Amino acid sequence: TDANGHMALLEYLIWRYKFTPAETSVAPQGGANQEQIDRAQALFDEVNAALTAQIEAVRQLDAAVAELEAAIRETDQLVAQVAKALAETEALTETVKAAVAKTKAAVAE
């Protein structure tokens, strides 16, 4: 028994069946149906491999999304620069048109 006066189930079973603690720690698990255990282990390994592949696929997709988001930000910056250049070009075009009109008026006088 323990210091609290109780006996653990494992302690009882060791005493009852005359095993040593070392024997219980290396005893085969799962009973006599090793074939089912092997099939279950094979299924687990298959599912684990599929899960690992899915996790890797998600990681790759996350990386691709990050690259696309960076490309979108860069494209947005380029569009803003083009819009600014277009506005400047339109302003210069208006300035040139005004200068041409002023020159034509001066020549006509």
C-alpha atoms as a PDB file:
ATOM      1  CA  THR A   1       0.000   0.000   0.000  1.00  0.00           C
ATOM      2  CA  ASP A   2       0.959   3.616  -0.423  1.00  0.00           C
ATOM      3  CA  ALA A   3       1.548   6.135   2.335  1.00  0.00           C
ATOM      4  CA  ASN A   4      -2.167   6.961   2.195  1.00  0.00           C
ATOM      5  CA  GLY A   5      -3.114   3.343   2.905  1.00  0.00           C
ATOM      6  CA  HIS A   6      -4.415   2.642  -0.602  1.00  0.00           C
ATOM      7  CA  MET A   7      -3.145   0.253  -3.256  1.00  0.00           C
ATOM      8  CA  ALA A   8      -3.062   1.165  -6.939  1.00  0.00           C
ATOM      9  CA  LEU A   9      -4.663  -1.228  -9.410  1.00  0.00           C
ATOM     10  CA  LEU A  10      -1.312  -1.932 -11.034  1.00  0.00           C
ATOM     11  CA  GLU A  11       0.228  -2.736  -7.681  1.00  0.00           C
ATOM     12  CA  TYR A  12      -2.604  -5.174  -6.969  1.00  0.00           C
ATOM     13  CA  LEU A  13      -2.306  -6.852 -10.367  1.00  0.00           C
ATOM     14  CA  ILE A  14       1.479  -7.258  -9.950  1.00  0.00           C
ATOM     15  CA  TRP A  15       0.907  -8.866  -6.569  1.00  0.00           C
ATOM     16  CA  ARG A  16      -2.050 -11.000  -7.723  1.00  0.00           C
ATOM     17  CA  TYR A  17      -0.426 -12.417 -10.889  1.00  0.00           C
ATOM     18  CA  LYS A  18       3.112 -12.490  -9.503  1.00  0.00           C
ATOM     19  CA  PHE A  19       4.671 -10.238 -12.138  1.00  0.00           C
ATOM     20  CA  THR A  20       7.535  -7.849 -11.563  1.00  0.00           C
ATOM     21  CA  PRO A  21       7.198  -4.153 -12.437  1.00  0.00           C
ATOM     22  CA  ALA A  22       9.780  -4.682 -15.208  1.00  0.00           C
ATOM     23  CA  GLU A  23       7.686  -7.520 -16.699  1.00  0.00           C
ATOM     24  CA  THR A  24       4.574  -5.357 -16.790  1.00  0.00           C
ATOM     25  CA  SER A  25       6.392  -2.521 -18.524  1.00  0.00           C
ATOM     26  CA  VAL A  26       7.507  -4.749 -21.423  1.00  0.00           C
ATOM     27  CA  ALA A  27       4.421  -6.978 -21.624  1.00  0.00           C
ATOM     28  CA  PRO A  28       2.817  -7.172 -25.088  1.00  0.00           C
ATOM     29  CA  GLN A  29      -0.194  -4.911 -25.508  1.00  0.00           C
ATOM     30  CA  GLY A  30      -3.417  -5.573 -27.370  1.00  0.00           C
ATOM     31  CA  GLY A  31      -4.041  -9.212 -26.580  1.00  0.00           C
ATOM     32  CA  ALA A  32      -3.999 -11.966 -29.173  1.00  0.00           C
ATOM     33  CA  ASN A  33      -5.430 -10.045 -32.143  1.00  0.00           C
ATOM     34  CA  GLN A  34      -2.193  -8.744 -33.611  1.00  0.00           C
ATOM     35  CA  GLU A  35      -3.646  -8.801 -37.143  1.00  0.00           C
ATOM     36  CA  GLN A  36      -6.206  -6.112 -36.256  1.00  0.00           C
ATOM     37  CA  ILE A  37      -3.553  -4.080 -34.504  1.00  0.00           C
ATOM     38  CA  ASP A  38      -1.311  -4.298 -37.578  1.00  0.00           C
ATOM     39  CA  ARG A  39      -4.197  -3.241 -39.885  1.00  0.00           C
ATOM     40  CA  ALA A  40      -5.066  -0.366 -37.579  1.00  0.00           C
ATOM     41  CA  GLN A  41      -1.416   0.714 -37.482  1.00  0.00           C
ATOM     42  CA  ALA A  42      -1.218   0.574 -41.282  1.00  0.00           C
ATOM     43  CA  LEU A  43      -4.383   2.697 -41.577  1.00  0.00           C
ATOM     44  CA  PHE A  44      -3.018   5.136 -39.028  1.00  0.00           C
ATOM     45  CA  ASP A  45       0.252   5.406 -40.944  1.00  0.00           C
ATOM     46  CA  GLU A  46      -1.686   6.010 -44.181  1.00  0.00           C
ATOM     47  CA  VAL A  47      -3.860   8.700 -42.624  1.00  0.00           C
ATOM     48  CA  ASN A  48      -0.837  10.266 -40.952  1.00  0.00           C
ATOM     49  CA  ALA A  49       0.994  10.416 -44.297  1.00  0.00           C
ATOM     50  CA  ALA A  50      -2.063  11.975 -45.955  1.00  0.00           C
ATOM     51  CA  LEU A  51      -2.356  14.521 -43.145  1.00  0.00           C
ATOM     52  CA  THR A  52       1.323  15.386 -43.441  1.00  0.00           C
ATOM     53  CA  ALA A  53       0.869  15.888 -47.190  1.00  0.00           C
ATOM     54  CA  GLN A  54      -2.163  18.114 -46.589  1.00  0.00           C
ATOM     55  CA  ILE A  55      -0.274  20.196 -44.028  1.00  0.00           C
ATOM     56  CA  GLU A  56       2.553  20.675 -46.542  1.00  0.00           C
ATOM     57  CA  ALA A  57       0.037  21.603 -49.252  1.00  0.00           C
ATOM     58  CA  VAL A  58      -1.540  24.203 -46.943  1.00  0.00           C
ATOM     59  CA  ARG A  59       1.922  25.595 -46.160  1.00  0.00           C
ATOM     60  CA  GLN A  60       2.668  25.898 -49.867  1.00  0.00           C
ATOM     61  CA  LEU A  61      -0.711  27.535 -50.519  1.00  0.00           C
ATOM     62  CA  ASP A  62      -0.115  30.003 -47.697  1.00  0.00           C
ATOM     63  CA  ALA A  63       3.249  30.893 -49.247  1.00  0.00           C
ATOM     64  CA  ALA A  64       1.617  31.316 -52.674  1.00  0.00           C
ATOM     65  CA  VAL A  65      -1.101  33.550 -51.176  1.00  0.00           C
ATOM     66  CA  ALA A  66       1.567  35.686 -49.507  1.00  0.00           C
ATOM     67  CA  GLU A  67       3.395  36.040 -52.838  1.00  0.00           C
ATOM     68  CA  LEU A  68       0.160  36.997 -54.610  1.00  0.00           C
ATOM     69  CA  GLU A  69      -0.692  39.548 -51.943  1.00  0.00           C
ATOM     70  CA  ALA A  70       2.770  41.082 -52.332  1.00  0.00           C
ATOM     71  CA  ALA A  71       2.295  41.180 -56.123  1.00  0.00           C
ATOM     72  CA  ILE A  72      -1.103  42.856 -55.681  1.00  0.00           C
ATOM     73  CA  ARG A  73       0.434  45.507 -53.412  1.00  0.00           C
ATOM     74  CA  GLU A  74       3.193  46.119 -55.957  1.00  0.00           C
ATOM     75  CA  THR A  75       0.641  46.322 -58.780  1.00  0.00           C
ATOM     76  CA  ASP A  76      -1.459  48.779 -56.778  1.00  0.00           C
ATOM     77  CA  GLN A  77       1.623  50.967 -56.307  1.00  0.00           C
ATOM     78  CA  LEU A  78       2.371  50.832 -60.040  1.00  0.00           C
ATOM     79  CA  VAL A  79      -1.243  51.694 -60.891  1.00  0.00           C
ATOM     80  CA  ALA A  80      -1.038  54.679 -58.532  1.00  0.00           C
ATOM     81  CA  GLN A  81       2.192  55.815 -60.199  1.00  0.00           C
ATOM     82  CA  VAL A  82       0.641  55.444 -63.666  1.00  0.00           C
ATOM     83  CA  ALA A  83      -2.459  57.364 -62.560  1.00  0.00           C
ATOM     84  CA  LYS A  84      -0.244  60.155 -61.196  1.00  0.00           C
ATOM     85  CA  ALA A  85       1.786  60.248 -64.426  1.00  0.00           C
ATOM     86  CA  LEU A  86      -1.414  60.323 -66.473  1.00  0.00           C
ATOM     87  CA  ALA A  87      -2.767  63.231 -64.426  1.00  0.00           C
ATOM     88  CA  GLU A  88       0.522  65.092 -64.864  1.00  0.00           C
ATOM     89  CA  THR A  89       0.446  64.380 -68.607  1.00  0.00           C
ATOM     90  CA  GLU A  90      -3.123  65.644 -68.887  1.00  0.00           C
ATOM     91  CA  ALA A  91      -2.187  68.806 -66.971  1.00  0.00           C
ATOM     92  CA  LEU A  92       0.797  69.373 -69.247  1.00  0.00           C
ATOM     93  CA  THR A  93      -1.390  68.728 -72.297  1.00  0.00           C
ATOM     94  CA  GLU A  94      -3.804  71.406 -71.103  1.00  0.00           C
ATOM     95  CA  THR A  95      -0.890  73.790 -70.508  1.00  0.00           C
ATOM     96  CA  VAL A  96       0.433  73.119 -74.009  1.00  0.00           C
ATOM     97  CA  LYS A  97      -3.049  73.580 -75.529  1.00  0.00           C
ATOM     98  CA  ALA A  98      -3.397  76.887 -73.717  1.00  0.00           C
ATOM     99  CA  ALA A  99       0.056  77.980 -74.924  1.00  0.00           C
ATOM    100  CA  VAL A 100      -0.791  76.965 -78.510  1.00  0.00           C
ATOM    101  CA  ALA A 101      -4.064  78.874 -78.347  1.00  0.00           C
ATOM    102  CA  LYS A 102      -2.278  81.889 -76.918  1.00  0.00           C
ATOM    103  CA  THR A 103       0.367  81.676 -79.665  1.00  0.00           C
ATOM    104  CA  LYS A 104      -2.277  81.380 -82.387  1.00  0.00           C
ATOM    105  CA  ALA A 105      -4.072  84.406 -80.975  1.00  0.00           C
ATOM    106  CA  ALA A 106      -0.824  86.370 -80.898  1.00  0.00           C
ATOM    107  CA  VAL A 107       0.017  85.391 -84.476  1.00  0.00           C
ATOM    108  CA  ALA A 108      -3.495  86.280 -85.666  1.00  0.00           C
ATOM    109  CA  GLU A 109      -3.141  89.825 -84.314  1.00  0.00           C
END
